[in-house]
N, C-alpha and C. Protein backbone atom coordinates (compact mmCIF):
# COMPACT_ATOMS: atom_id res chain seq x y z
N MET A 1 0.78 -0.46 0.00
CA MET A 1 0.00 0.00 0.00
C MET A 1 1.41 0.83 0.00
N GLY A 2 4.46 7.56 -1.42
CA GLY A 2 5.86 7.48 -1.69
C GLY A 2 6.67 7.10 -0.47
N LEU A 3 7.61 6.23 -0.73
CA LEU A 3 8.47 5.80 0.36
C LEU A 3 9.73 6.64 0.36
N LEU A 4 9.70 7.82 0.96
CA LEU A 4 10.85 8.67 1.06
C LEU A 4 11.03 9.10 2.49
N ALA A 5 11.97 9.74 2.77
CA ALA A 5 12.79 9.80 3.95
C ALA A 5 12.40 10.72 5.06
N VAL A 6 12.71 10.94 6.08
CA VAL A 6 13.26 10.29 7.24
C VAL A 6 13.02 11.07 8.50
N SER A 7 14.13 11.46 9.10
CA SER A 7 14.05 11.88 10.49
C SER A 7 13.24 13.14 10.69
N VAL A 8 13.27 14.08 9.75
CA VAL A 8 12.52 15.32 9.94
C VAL A 8 11.03 15.02 9.99
N LEU A 9 10.57 14.17 9.06
CA LEU A 9 9.17 13.81 9.05
C LEU A 9 8.80 13.02 10.29
N ALA A 10 9.64 12.08 10.65
CA ALA A 10 9.35 11.27 11.82
C ALA A 10 9.33 12.12 13.07
N ALA A 11 10.28 13.06 13.18
CA ALA A 11 10.31 13.92 14.36
C ALA A 11 9.08 14.80 14.41
N GLY A 12 8.65 15.30 13.25
CA GLY A 12 7.45 16.11 13.22
C GLY A 12 6.24 15.32 13.62
N CYS A 13 6.18 14.08 13.15
CA CYS A 13 5.07 13.21 13.51
C CYS A 13 5.08 12.94 15.00
N GLU A 14 6.27 12.71 15.55
CA GLU A 14 6.39 12.41 16.97
C GLU A 14 5.95 13.61 17.80
N ALA A 15 6.21 14.81 17.28
CA ALA A 15 5.83 16.01 18.03
C ALA A 15 4.32 16.12 18.17
N ASN A 16 3.59 15.56 17.21
CA ASN A 16 2.14 15.62 17.24
C ASN A 16 1.53 14.45 18.00
N PHE A 17 2.34 13.48 18.37
CA PHE A 17 1.86 12.29 19.05
C PHE A 17 2.48 12.23 20.44
N GLY A 18 1.65 12.12 21.47
CA GLY A 18 2.17 11.85 22.80
C GLY A 18 2.58 10.40 22.91
N ALA A 19 3.29 10.07 23.99
CA ALA A 19 3.79 8.70 24.16
C ALA A 19 2.66 7.68 24.11
N ASP A 20 1.51 8.02 24.71
CA ASP A 20 0.41 7.07 24.72
C ASP A 20 -0.22 6.89 23.35
N GLU A 21 0.04 7.83 22.43
CA GLU A 21 -0.52 7.71 21.09
C GLU A 21 0.18 6.63 20.26
N TRP A 22 1.33 6.16 20.72
CA TRP A 22 2.04 5.09 20.01
C TRP A 22 1.64 3.72 20.55
N ALA A 23 0.74 3.69 21.52
CA ALA A 23 0.27 2.42 22.09
C ALA A 23 -1.12 2.10 21.56
N ASP A 24 -1.49 0.83 21.72
CA ASP A 24 -2.84 0.36 21.39
C ASP A 24 -3.16 0.52 19.90
N TRP A 25 -2.26 0.03 19.06
CA TRP A 25 -2.47 0.03 17.62
C TRP A 25 -2.98 -1.34 17.17
N THR A 26 -3.78 -1.32 16.12
CA THR A 26 -4.15 -2.55 15.41
C THR A 26 -3.20 -2.69 14.22
N VAL A 27 -2.56 -3.84 14.13
CA VAL A 27 -1.61 -4.10 13.05
C VAL A 27 -2.14 -5.22 12.17
N THR A 28 -2.29 -4.94 10.90
CA THR A 28 -2.70 -5.94 9.92
C THR A 28 -1.63 -6.03 8.84
N VAL A 29 -1.80 -6.95 7.91
CA VAL A 29 -0.83 -7.09 6.82
C VAL A 29 -1.54 -7.04 5.47
N ASN A 30 -0.78 -6.67 4.46
CA ASN A 30 -1.25 -6.84 3.09
C ASN A 30 -0.15 -7.52 2.29
N TYR A 31 -0.54 -8.09 1.16
CA TYR A 31 0.38 -8.93 0.40
C TYR A 31 0.06 -8.83 -1.09
N THR A 32 0.94 -9.35 -1.90
CA THR A 32 0.70 -9.46 -3.34
C THR A 32 0.06 -10.80 -3.63
N ALA A 33 -1.16 -10.77 -4.15
CA ALA A 33 -1.84 -12.00 -4.53
C ALA A 33 -1.13 -12.62 -5.74
N VAL A 34 -1.15 -13.95 -5.83
CA VAL A 34 -0.54 -14.66 -6.95
C VAL A 34 -1.64 -15.46 -7.64
N GLU A 35 -1.82 -15.23 -8.93
CA GLU A 35 -2.95 -15.81 -9.65
C GLU A 35 -3.07 -17.32 -9.49
N SER A 36 -1.94 -18.03 -9.53
CA SER A 36 -1.98 -19.50 -9.51
C SER A 36 -2.56 -20.07 -8.22
N TYR A 37 -2.66 -19.27 -7.17
CA TYR A 37 -3.25 -19.73 -5.91
C TYR A 37 -4.74 -19.42 -5.83
N HIS A 38 -5.32 -18.92 -6.92
CA HIS A 38 -6.73 -18.51 -6.90
C HIS A 38 -7.49 -19.18 -8.04
N ASP A 39 -8.79 -19.32 -7.84
CA ASP A 39 -9.61 -19.92 -8.88
C ASP A 39 -10.88 -19.10 -9.06
N GLY A 40 -11.94 -19.77 -9.48
CA GLY A 40 -13.17 -19.06 -9.79
C GLY A 40 -13.29 -18.83 -11.28
N PRO A 41 -14.49 -18.55 -11.75
CA PRO A 41 -14.68 -18.31 -13.19
C PRO A 41 -13.86 -17.12 -13.66
N ARG A 42 -13.38 -17.23 -14.88
CA ARG A 42 -12.58 -16.13 -15.42
C ARG A 42 -13.49 -14.98 -15.85
N GLU A 43 -13.08 -13.79 -15.46
CA GLU A 43 -13.87 -12.59 -15.76
C GLU A 43 -12.99 -11.56 -16.45
N PRO A 44 -13.59 -10.73 -17.29
CA PRO A 44 -12.80 -9.72 -18.00
C PRO A 44 -12.33 -8.61 -17.06
N VAL A 45 -11.11 -8.17 -17.28
CA VAL A 45 -10.54 -7.05 -16.52
C VAL A 45 -10.15 -5.97 -17.51
N ARG A 46 -10.55 -4.74 -17.22
CA ARG A 46 -10.19 -3.61 -18.05
C ARG A 46 -9.48 -2.58 -17.18
N GLY A 47 -8.59 -1.83 -17.80
CA GLY A 47 -7.85 -0.81 -17.06
C GLY A 47 -6.73 -0.27 -17.91
N CYS A 48 -5.67 0.17 -17.25
CA CYS A 48 -4.51 0.72 -17.95
C CYS A 48 -3.54 -0.41 -18.28
N ALA A 49 -3.22 -0.55 -19.56
CA ALA A 49 -2.33 -1.63 -19.98
C ALA A 49 -0.87 -1.21 -19.94
N ASP A 50 -0.58 0.04 -19.61
CA ASP A 50 0.79 0.52 -19.50
C ASP A 50 0.86 1.55 -18.38
N ALA A 51 2.09 1.81 -17.92
CA ALA A 51 2.27 2.70 -16.77
C ALA A 51 1.81 4.13 -17.05
N ASP A 52 1.86 4.54 -18.33
CA ASP A 52 1.43 5.89 -18.69
C ASP A 52 -0.09 6.01 -18.82
N CYS A 53 -0.76 4.86 -18.79
CA CYS A 53 -2.22 4.80 -18.88
C CYS A 53 -2.74 5.58 -20.09
N THR A 54 -2.21 5.23 -21.26
CA THR A 54 -2.65 5.90 -22.47
C THR A 54 -4.10 5.57 -22.80
N ASP A 55 -4.57 4.42 -22.31
CA ASP A 55 -5.98 4.04 -22.47
C ASP A 55 -6.47 3.46 -21.15
N PRO A 56 -7.25 4.20 -20.37
CA PRO A 56 -7.68 3.72 -19.05
C PRO A 56 -8.73 2.63 -19.10
N ASP A 57 -9.20 2.30 -20.31
CA ASP A 57 -10.22 1.25 -20.44
C ASP A 57 -9.76 0.16 -21.38
N ALA A 58 -8.46 -0.11 -21.38
CA ALA A 58 -7.91 -1.16 -22.25
C ALA A 58 -8.32 -2.53 -21.74
N GLU A 59 -8.44 -3.47 -22.65
CA GLU A 59 -8.77 -4.85 -22.27
C GLU A 59 -7.49 -5.53 -21.77
N ILE A 60 -7.47 -5.90 -20.50
CA ILE A 60 -6.30 -6.55 -19.91
C ILE A 60 -6.37 -8.06 -20.09
N GLY A 61 -7.56 -8.63 -19.98
CA GLY A 61 -7.70 -10.06 -20.19
C GLY A 61 -8.69 -10.69 -19.23
N LEU A 62 -8.77 -12.03 -19.30
CA LEU A 62 -9.66 -12.80 -18.44
C LEU A 62 -8.85 -13.39 -17.30
N LEU A 63 -9.29 -13.17 -16.08
CA LEU A 63 -8.58 -13.64 -14.90
C LEU A 63 -9.56 -14.25 -13.91
N PRO A 64 -9.09 -15.18 -13.05
CA PRO A 64 -9.99 -15.82 -12.08
C PRO A 64 -10.65 -14.80 -11.16
N SER A 65 -11.93 -14.99 -10.90
CA SER A 65 -12.67 -14.03 -10.09
C SER A 65 -12.10 -13.89 -8.69
N ASP A 66 -11.61 -15.00 -8.10
CA ASP A 66 -11.01 -14.92 -6.76
C ASP A 66 -9.75 -14.08 -6.77
N PHE A 67 -8.97 -14.18 -7.84
CA PHE A 67 -7.75 -13.38 -7.97
C PHE A 67 -8.09 -11.91 -8.11
N ILE A 68 -9.08 -11.61 -8.93
CA ILE A 68 -9.50 -10.21 -9.11
C ILE A 68 -9.94 -9.62 -7.77
N ALA A 69 -10.72 -10.41 -7.01
CA ALA A 69 -11.18 -9.93 -5.70
C ALA A 69 -10.01 -9.68 -4.76
N ALA A 70 -9.01 -10.58 -4.80
CA ALA A 70 -7.84 -10.42 -3.93
C ALA A 70 -7.04 -9.17 -4.30
N VAL A 71 -6.92 -8.89 -5.60
CA VAL A 71 -6.20 -7.69 -6.04
C VAL A 71 -6.94 -6.43 -5.58
N ARG A 72 -8.25 -6.45 -5.67
CA ARG A 72 -9.02 -5.30 -5.18
C ARG A 72 -8.83 -5.12 -3.67
N GLU A 73 -8.73 -6.23 -2.95
CA GLU A 73 -8.59 -6.17 -1.50
C GLU A 73 -7.18 -5.74 -1.09
N GLU A 74 -6.16 -6.30 -1.76
CA GLU A 74 -4.77 -6.08 -1.35
C GLU A 74 -4.08 -4.96 -2.12
N GLY A 75 -4.58 -4.66 -3.32
CA GLY A 75 -3.99 -3.59 -4.12
C GLY A 75 -3.02 -4.04 -5.18
N THR A 76 -2.62 -5.32 -5.15
CA THR A 76 -1.63 -5.78 -6.13
C THR A 76 -1.67 -7.30 -6.25
N GLY A 77 -1.34 -7.80 -7.46
CA GLY A 77 -1.29 -9.24 -7.69
C GLY A 77 -0.39 -9.54 -8.87
N ARG A 78 0.18 -10.74 -8.87
CA ARG A 78 1.05 -11.16 -9.98
C ARG A 78 0.29 -12.14 -10.86
N ILE A 79 0.23 -11.83 -12.16
CA ILE A 79 -0.43 -12.69 -13.14
C ILE A 79 0.51 -13.83 -13.51
N THR A 80 -0.01 -15.04 -13.57
CA THR A 80 0.83 -16.21 -13.86
C THR A 80 0.42 -16.95 -15.13
N SER A 81 -0.59 -16.47 -15.84
CA SER A 81 -1.04 -17.16 -17.05
C SER A 81 -1.29 -16.15 -18.17
N GLY A 82 -1.29 -16.67 -19.40
CA GLY A 82 -1.65 -15.84 -20.53
C GLY A 82 -0.57 -14.87 -20.97
N ALA A 83 -0.98 -13.93 -21.79
CA ALA A 83 -0.02 -13.00 -22.42
C ALA A 83 0.68 -12.11 -21.41
N HIS A 84 0.07 -11.90 -20.26
CA HIS A 84 0.66 -11.00 -19.27
C HIS A 84 1.30 -11.73 -18.10
N ALA A 85 1.60 -13.02 -18.28
CA ALA A 85 2.23 -13.79 -17.20
C ALA A 85 3.52 -13.11 -16.75
N GLY A 86 3.70 -12.99 -15.44
CA GLY A 86 4.87 -12.33 -14.89
C GLY A 86 4.68 -10.84 -14.65
N THR A 87 3.59 -10.31 -15.16
CA THR A 87 3.28 -8.89 -14.98
C THR A 87 2.42 -8.71 -13.73
N TYR A 88 2.49 -7.55 -13.14
CA TYR A 88 1.70 -7.27 -11.94
C TYR A 88 0.44 -6.50 -12.31
N LEU A 89 -0.66 -6.93 -11.72
CA LEU A 89 -1.93 -6.23 -11.85
C LEU A 89 -2.14 -5.44 -10.56
N ASN A 90 -2.04 -4.14 -10.64
CA ASN A 90 -2.22 -3.29 -9.47
C ASN A 90 -3.59 -2.63 -9.51
N TRP A 91 -4.06 -2.20 -8.33
CA TRP A 91 -5.37 -1.56 -8.25
C TRP A 91 -5.37 -0.50 -7.17
N SER A 92 -6.00 0.62 -7.43
CA SER A 92 -6.26 1.62 -6.40
C SER A 92 -7.66 2.16 -6.61
N TYR A 93 -8.27 2.66 -5.55
CA TYR A 93 -9.67 3.08 -5.64
C TYR A 93 -9.86 4.26 -6.58
N ASP A 94 -8.82 5.08 -6.78
CA ASP A 94 -8.98 6.25 -7.64
C ASP A 94 -8.52 6.02 -9.08
N THR A 95 -7.71 4.98 -9.31
CA THR A 95 -7.19 4.70 -10.65
C THR A 95 -7.87 3.50 -11.29
N GLY A 96 -8.21 2.51 -10.48
CA GLY A 96 -8.69 1.24 -11.01
C GLY A 96 -7.53 0.30 -11.23
N PHE A 97 -7.64 -0.60 -12.20
CA PHE A 97 -6.59 -1.58 -12.48
C PHE A 97 -5.55 -1.00 -13.43
N TRP A 98 -4.29 -1.42 -13.23
CA TRP A 98 -3.25 -1.12 -14.22
C TRP A 98 -2.18 -2.21 -14.17
N LEU A 99 -1.59 -2.47 -15.34
CA LEU A 99 -0.49 -3.42 -15.45
C LEU A 99 0.82 -2.72 -15.17
N ASP A 100 1.75 -3.46 -14.54
CA ASP A 100 3.02 -2.84 -14.17
C ASP A 100 4.08 -3.92 -14.07
N SER A 101 5.33 -3.47 -13.96
CA SER A 101 6.46 -4.39 -13.84
C SER A 101 6.76 -4.74 -12.38
N ALA A 102 6.05 -4.13 -11.44
CA ALA A 102 6.32 -4.35 -10.01
C ALA A 102 5.04 -4.10 -9.22
N PRO A 103 4.96 -4.65 -8.01
CA PRO A 103 3.84 -4.30 -7.14
C PRO A 103 4.04 -2.88 -6.62
N ARG A 104 3.01 -2.06 -6.68
CA ARG A 104 3.16 -0.66 -6.29
C ARG A 104 2.00 -0.22 -5.40
N ASP A 105 2.27 0.82 -4.64
CA ASP A 105 1.20 1.42 -3.85
C ASP A 105 0.45 2.44 -4.71
N ALA A 106 -0.54 3.09 -4.12
CA ALA A 106 -1.38 4.02 -4.88
C ALA A 106 -0.59 5.22 -5.40
N ALA A 107 0.53 5.53 -4.76
CA ALA A 107 1.36 6.65 -5.20
C ALA A 107 2.34 6.26 -6.31
N GLY A 108 2.39 4.96 -6.63
CA GLY A 108 3.27 4.49 -7.69
C GLY A 108 4.62 4.01 -7.23
N ASP A 109 4.85 3.96 -5.93
CA ASP A 109 6.14 3.49 -5.41
C ASP A 109 6.13 1.98 -5.23
N ILE A 110 7.28 1.35 -5.46
CA ILE A 110 7.39 -0.10 -5.35
C ILE A 110 7.20 -0.54 -3.91
N LEU A 111 6.38 -1.56 -3.71
CA LEU A 111 6.18 -2.14 -2.39
C LEU A 111 7.34 -3.08 -2.07
N ARG A 112 7.90 -2.94 -0.88
CA ARG A 112 9.05 -3.75 -0.47
C ARG A 112 8.69 -4.57 0.76
N PRO A 113 8.84 -5.91 0.65
CA PRO A 113 8.45 -6.79 1.76
C PRO A 113 9.17 -6.43 3.06
N PHE A 114 8.42 -6.42 4.13
CA PHE A 114 8.92 -6.14 5.48
C PHE A 114 9.63 -4.78 5.56
N GLN A 115 9.15 -3.85 4.71
CA GLN A 115 9.57 -2.46 4.77
C GLN A 115 8.39 -1.51 4.58
N SER A 116 7.58 -1.76 3.56
CA SER A 116 6.50 -0.84 3.20
C SER A 116 5.33 -0.96 4.17
N ALA A 117 4.75 0.19 4.50
CA ALA A 117 3.61 0.22 5.42
C ALA A 117 2.62 1.29 4.99
N ALA A 118 1.39 1.13 5.46
CA ALA A 118 0.34 2.13 5.23
C ALA A 118 -0.29 2.49 6.56
N ALA A 119 -0.63 3.76 6.71
CA ALA A 119 -1.31 4.23 7.92
C ALA A 119 -1.96 5.56 7.62
N ASP A 120 -3.10 5.81 8.23
CA ASP A 120 -3.73 7.11 8.15
C ASP A 120 -3.19 8.01 9.26
N GLY A 121 -3.01 9.28 8.94
CA GLY A 121 -2.62 10.25 9.96
C GLY A 121 -1.14 10.34 10.24
N LEU A 122 -0.32 9.57 9.53
CA LEU A 122 1.13 9.65 9.67
C LEU A 122 1.72 10.20 8.37
N ASP A 123 2.72 11.05 8.49
CA ASP A 123 3.33 11.63 7.30
C ASP A 123 4.02 10.57 6.46
N PRO A 124 3.88 10.65 5.12
CA PRO A 124 4.67 9.77 4.26
C PRO A 124 6.16 9.94 4.58
N GLY A 125 6.86 8.84 4.67
CA GLY A 125 8.27 8.89 5.02
C GLY A 125 8.54 8.57 6.47
N THR A 126 7.50 8.52 7.30
CA THR A 126 7.69 8.18 8.71
C THR A 126 8.21 6.75 8.84
N ARG A 127 9.28 6.59 9.60
CA ARG A 127 9.84 5.26 9.86
C ARG A 127 9.38 4.79 11.24
N LEU A 128 9.00 3.52 11.31
CA LEU A 128 8.47 2.97 12.54
C LEU A 128 9.06 1.60 12.84
N ARG A 129 9.07 1.27 14.11
CA ARG A 129 9.33 -0.11 14.54
C ARG A 129 8.15 -0.57 15.37
N LEU A 130 7.83 -1.85 15.24
CA LEU A 130 6.85 -2.49 16.09
C LEU A 130 7.59 -2.99 17.32
N THR A 131 7.29 -2.43 18.48
CA THR A 131 8.04 -2.78 19.69
C THR A 131 7.31 -3.79 20.57
N ASP A 132 6.00 -3.91 20.41
CA ASP A 132 5.22 -4.87 21.19
C ASP A 132 4.03 -5.29 20.34
N CYS A 133 3.85 -6.59 20.17
CA CYS A 133 2.77 -7.08 19.32
C CYS A 133 1.42 -7.07 20.02
N GLY A 134 1.40 -6.75 21.30
CA GLY A 134 0.13 -6.68 22.01
C GLY A 134 -0.44 -8.05 22.30
N ILE A 135 -1.72 -8.21 22.06
CA ILE A 135 -2.43 -9.45 22.37
C ILE A 135 -2.26 -10.41 21.20
N ILE A 136 -1.54 -11.50 21.41
CA ILE A 136 -1.31 -12.47 20.34
C ILE A 136 -1.50 -13.88 20.87
N ASP A 137 -1.75 -14.81 19.96
CA ASP A 137 -1.79 -16.23 20.31
C ASP A 137 -0.36 -16.72 20.49
N PRO A 138 -0.15 -17.72 21.35
CA PRO A 138 1.21 -18.23 21.56
C PRO A 138 1.88 -18.68 20.27
N GLU A 139 1.10 -19.24 19.34
CA GLU A 139 1.70 -19.72 18.09
C GLU A 139 2.15 -18.58 17.19
N ALA A 140 1.79 -17.35 17.52
CA ALA A 140 2.20 -16.20 16.72
C ALA A 140 3.49 -15.57 17.21
N ALA A 141 4.13 -16.18 18.21
CA ALA A 141 5.33 -15.58 18.80
C ALA A 141 6.45 -15.42 17.79
N ASP A 142 6.68 -16.44 16.95
CA ASP A 142 7.76 -16.35 15.96
C ASP A 142 7.46 -15.26 14.94
N ALA A 143 6.21 -15.18 14.50
CA ALA A 143 5.83 -14.14 13.56
C ALA A 143 6.01 -12.76 14.18
N CYS A 144 5.65 -12.64 15.45
CA CYS A 144 5.82 -11.36 16.15
C CYS A 144 7.29 -10.94 16.13
N ALA A 145 8.18 -11.87 16.42
CA ALA A 145 9.61 -11.55 16.45
C ALA A 145 10.09 -11.06 15.08
N ARG A 146 9.59 -11.68 14.03
CA ARG A 146 9.99 -11.29 12.68
C ARG A 146 9.50 -9.87 12.36
N PHE A 147 8.28 -9.57 12.73
CA PHE A 147 7.74 -8.24 12.46
C PHE A 147 8.44 -7.18 13.31
N ARG A 148 8.80 -7.53 14.53
CA ARG A 148 9.48 -6.57 15.41
C ARG A 148 10.90 -6.27 14.94
N SER A 149 11.52 -7.20 14.23
CA SER A 149 12.91 -7.00 13.80
C SER A 149 13.02 -6.09 12.58
N ALA A 150 11.90 -5.79 11.95
CA ALA A 150 11.91 -4.98 10.73
C ALA A 150 11.73 -3.50 11.05
N GLU A 151 12.20 -2.66 10.11
CA GLU A 151 11.94 -1.22 10.18
C GLU A 151 10.99 -0.88 9.06
N TRP A 152 9.88 -0.26 9.39
CA TRP A 152 8.79 -0.02 8.45
C TRP A 152 8.76 1.44 8.03
N PHE A 153 8.33 1.65 6.81
CA PHE A 153 8.38 2.96 6.17
C PHE A 153 6.98 3.29 5.65
N VAL A 154 6.33 4.29 6.23
CA VAL A 154 4.97 4.64 5.83
C VAL A 154 5.00 5.36 4.48
N GLY A 155 4.33 4.77 3.49
CA GLY A 155 4.31 5.38 2.17
C GLY A 155 2.93 5.44 1.55
N ASP A 156 1.91 5.03 2.30
CA ASP A 156 0.58 4.95 1.71
C ASP A 156 -0.46 5.16 2.79
N GLU A 157 -1.69 5.42 2.36
CA GLU A 157 -2.83 5.51 3.25
C GLU A 157 -3.80 4.39 2.92
N PHE A 158 -4.78 4.21 3.77
CA PHE A 158 -5.80 3.20 3.51
C PHE A 158 -6.81 3.70 2.49
N ILE A 159 -7.48 2.76 1.85
CA ILE A 159 -8.65 3.09 1.05
C ILE A 159 -9.66 3.75 2.00
N PRO A 160 -10.27 4.86 1.60
CA PRO A 160 -11.23 5.50 2.50
C PRO A 160 -12.25 4.51 3.07
N GLY A 161 -12.42 4.55 4.37
CA GLY A 161 -13.36 3.66 5.03
C GLY A 161 -12.75 2.40 5.60
N PHE A 162 -11.46 2.13 5.29
CA PHE A 162 -10.83 0.89 5.73
C PHE A 162 -9.73 1.10 6.77
N GLY A 163 -9.32 2.32 7.00
CA GLY A 163 -8.22 2.56 7.92
C GLY A 163 -8.68 3.13 9.24
N GLY A 164 -8.29 4.38 9.47
CA GLY A 164 -8.65 5.02 10.72
C GLY A 164 -7.45 5.16 11.62
N PRO A 165 -7.62 5.87 12.74
CA PRO A 165 -6.49 6.09 13.66
C PRO A 165 -6.00 4.80 14.28
N HIS A 166 -4.71 4.77 14.55
CA HIS A 166 -4.09 3.64 15.25
C HIS A 166 -4.26 2.33 14.50
N HIS A 167 -4.17 2.39 13.18
CA HIS A 167 -4.22 1.18 12.35
C HIS A 167 -3.04 1.22 11.40
N LEU A 168 -2.20 0.20 11.48
CA LEU A 168 -0.99 0.09 10.67
C LEU A 168 -1.08 -1.17 9.83
N ASP A 169 -0.83 -1.04 8.52
CA ASP A 169 -0.89 -2.17 7.60
C ASP A 169 0.51 -2.41 7.04
N LEU A 170 1.02 -3.61 7.20
CA LEU A 170 2.41 -3.93 6.86
C LEU A 170 2.45 -4.88 5.67
N TYR A 171 3.33 -4.57 4.70
CA TYR A 171 3.43 -5.36 3.47
C TYR A 171 4.42 -6.50 3.65
N VAL A 172 3.97 -7.73 3.36
CA VAL A 172 4.81 -8.92 3.59
C VAL A 172 5.30 -9.58 2.30
N GLY A 173 4.97 -9.03 1.13
CA GLY A 173 5.43 -9.61 -0.12
C GLY A 173 4.37 -10.49 -0.77
N GLU A 174 4.82 -11.40 -1.63
CA GLU A 174 3.88 -12.27 -2.35
C GLU A 174 3.38 -13.39 -1.46
N GLU A 175 2.12 -13.74 -1.65
CA GLU A 175 1.63 -14.95 -0.99
C GLU A 175 2.41 -16.14 -1.54
N ASN A 176 2.68 -17.12 -0.70
CA ASN A 176 3.54 -18.24 -1.12
C ASN A 176 2.89 -19.59 -0.90
N ALA A 177 1.57 -19.60 -0.72
CA ALA A 177 0.85 -20.86 -0.50
C ALA A 177 -0.63 -20.62 -0.74
N PRO A 178 -1.35 -21.70 -1.10
CA PRO A 178 -2.81 -21.56 -1.13
C PRO A 178 -3.31 -21.19 0.27
N ASP A 179 -4.44 -20.52 0.33
CA ASP A 179 -5.01 -20.12 1.63
C ASP A 179 -3.98 -19.35 2.46
N PHE A 180 -3.31 -18.41 1.82
CA PHE A 180 -2.26 -17.64 2.48
C PHE A 180 -2.76 -16.95 3.74
N THR A 181 -4.02 -16.58 3.74
CA THR A 181 -4.56 -15.86 4.90
C THR A 181 -4.66 -16.74 6.14
N ASP A 182 -4.40 -18.04 5.99
CA ASP A 182 -4.38 -18.94 7.15
C ASP A 182 -2.96 -19.25 7.61
N THR A 183 -1.94 -18.61 7.01
CA THR A 183 -0.55 -18.91 7.36
C THR A 183 -0.05 -17.94 8.43
N ALA A 184 1.15 -18.24 8.94
CA ALA A 184 1.72 -17.46 10.05
C ALA A 184 2.06 -16.02 9.66
N ASP A 185 2.29 -15.77 8.37
CA ASP A 185 2.64 -14.41 7.95
C ASP A 185 1.43 -13.48 7.88
N PHE A 186 0.23 -14.06 7.88
CA PHE A 186 -0.98 -13.24 7.81
C PHE A 186 -1.46 -13.01 9.23
N VAL A 187 -0.98 -11.94 9.84
CA VAL A 187 -1.18 -11.72 11.27
C VAL A 187 -2.19 -10.60 11.53
N LEU A 188 -2.70 -10.61 12.73
CA LEU A 188 -3.47 -9.50 13.26
C LEU A 188 -3.00 -9.29 14.69
N PHE A 189 -2.39 -8.15 14.93
CA PHE A 189 -1.94 -7.81 16.28
C PHE A 189 -2.85 -6.72 16.83
N ALA A 190 -3.46 -6.97 17.98
CA ALA A 190 -4.32 -5.98 18.63
C ALA A 190 -3.60 -5.45 19.87
N GLY A 191 -3.75 -4.17 20.14
CA GLY A 191 -3.10 -3.58 21.30
C GLY A 191 -1.59 -3.49 21.16
N ALA A 192 -1.12 -3.36 19.91
CA ALA A 192 0.32 -3.30 19.65
C ALA A 192 0.88 -1.91 19.97
N THR A 193 2.20 -1.87 20.15
CA THR A 193 2.90 -0.61 20.38
C THR A 193 3.94 -0.40 19.29
N VAL A 194 3.97 0.81 18.74
CA VAL A 194 4.97 1.16 17.74
C VAL A 194 5.74 2.38 18.24
N GLU A 195 6.89 2.62 17.64
CA GLU A 195 7.66 3.81 17.98
C GLU A 195 8.31 4.36 16.73
N PRO A 196 8.42 5.68 16.61
CA PRO A 196 9.08 6.26 15.44
C PRO A 196 10.58 6.06 15.51
N VAL A 197 11.19 5.89 14.35
CA VAL A 197 12.65 5.78 14.24
C VAL A 197 13.16 7.13 13.76
N VAL A 198 14.03 7.74 14.54
CA VAL A 198 14.52 9.08 14.18
C VAL A 198 16.03 9.07 14.07
């Protein structure tokens, strides 16, 4: 879900947030859907067939309905069949679908696993660490450690109506198994604590 820099923005953000404002966050994840892990009847997709969007209503092709739904939900997916195999199908609420060479956020910046993040109310460029995962299941301890070891970079906001205060969405890369949302990388941390990196 621009990823640019650093301490001035983070310090400014910190100035507007008291210490307690960095506590009690909901942390979710987003990922790049992979067509081969999805099924459903194939449906036509139209959008921008190139990064310049010379035709916003170009015919992109027929893709599985489950994959299309996942791309709408996550914002990005990798096509694995047909003429566009290996190409990324990205989506944003204001642009619609577009083909690209990389998974990107709504601002057009490349999404980077265990780096890119989205949040409402934080300046683009704010760097964060997850310092406490909050309320988690015991089996999520390893996943918590992995997320805490990363440094996250806010470069996007939520689709209107899906975010809100104290909600952080972390990008984990491509799904790597069927039913990815049932795997350890697809986490939900409630009551988490984050801190700005300055």
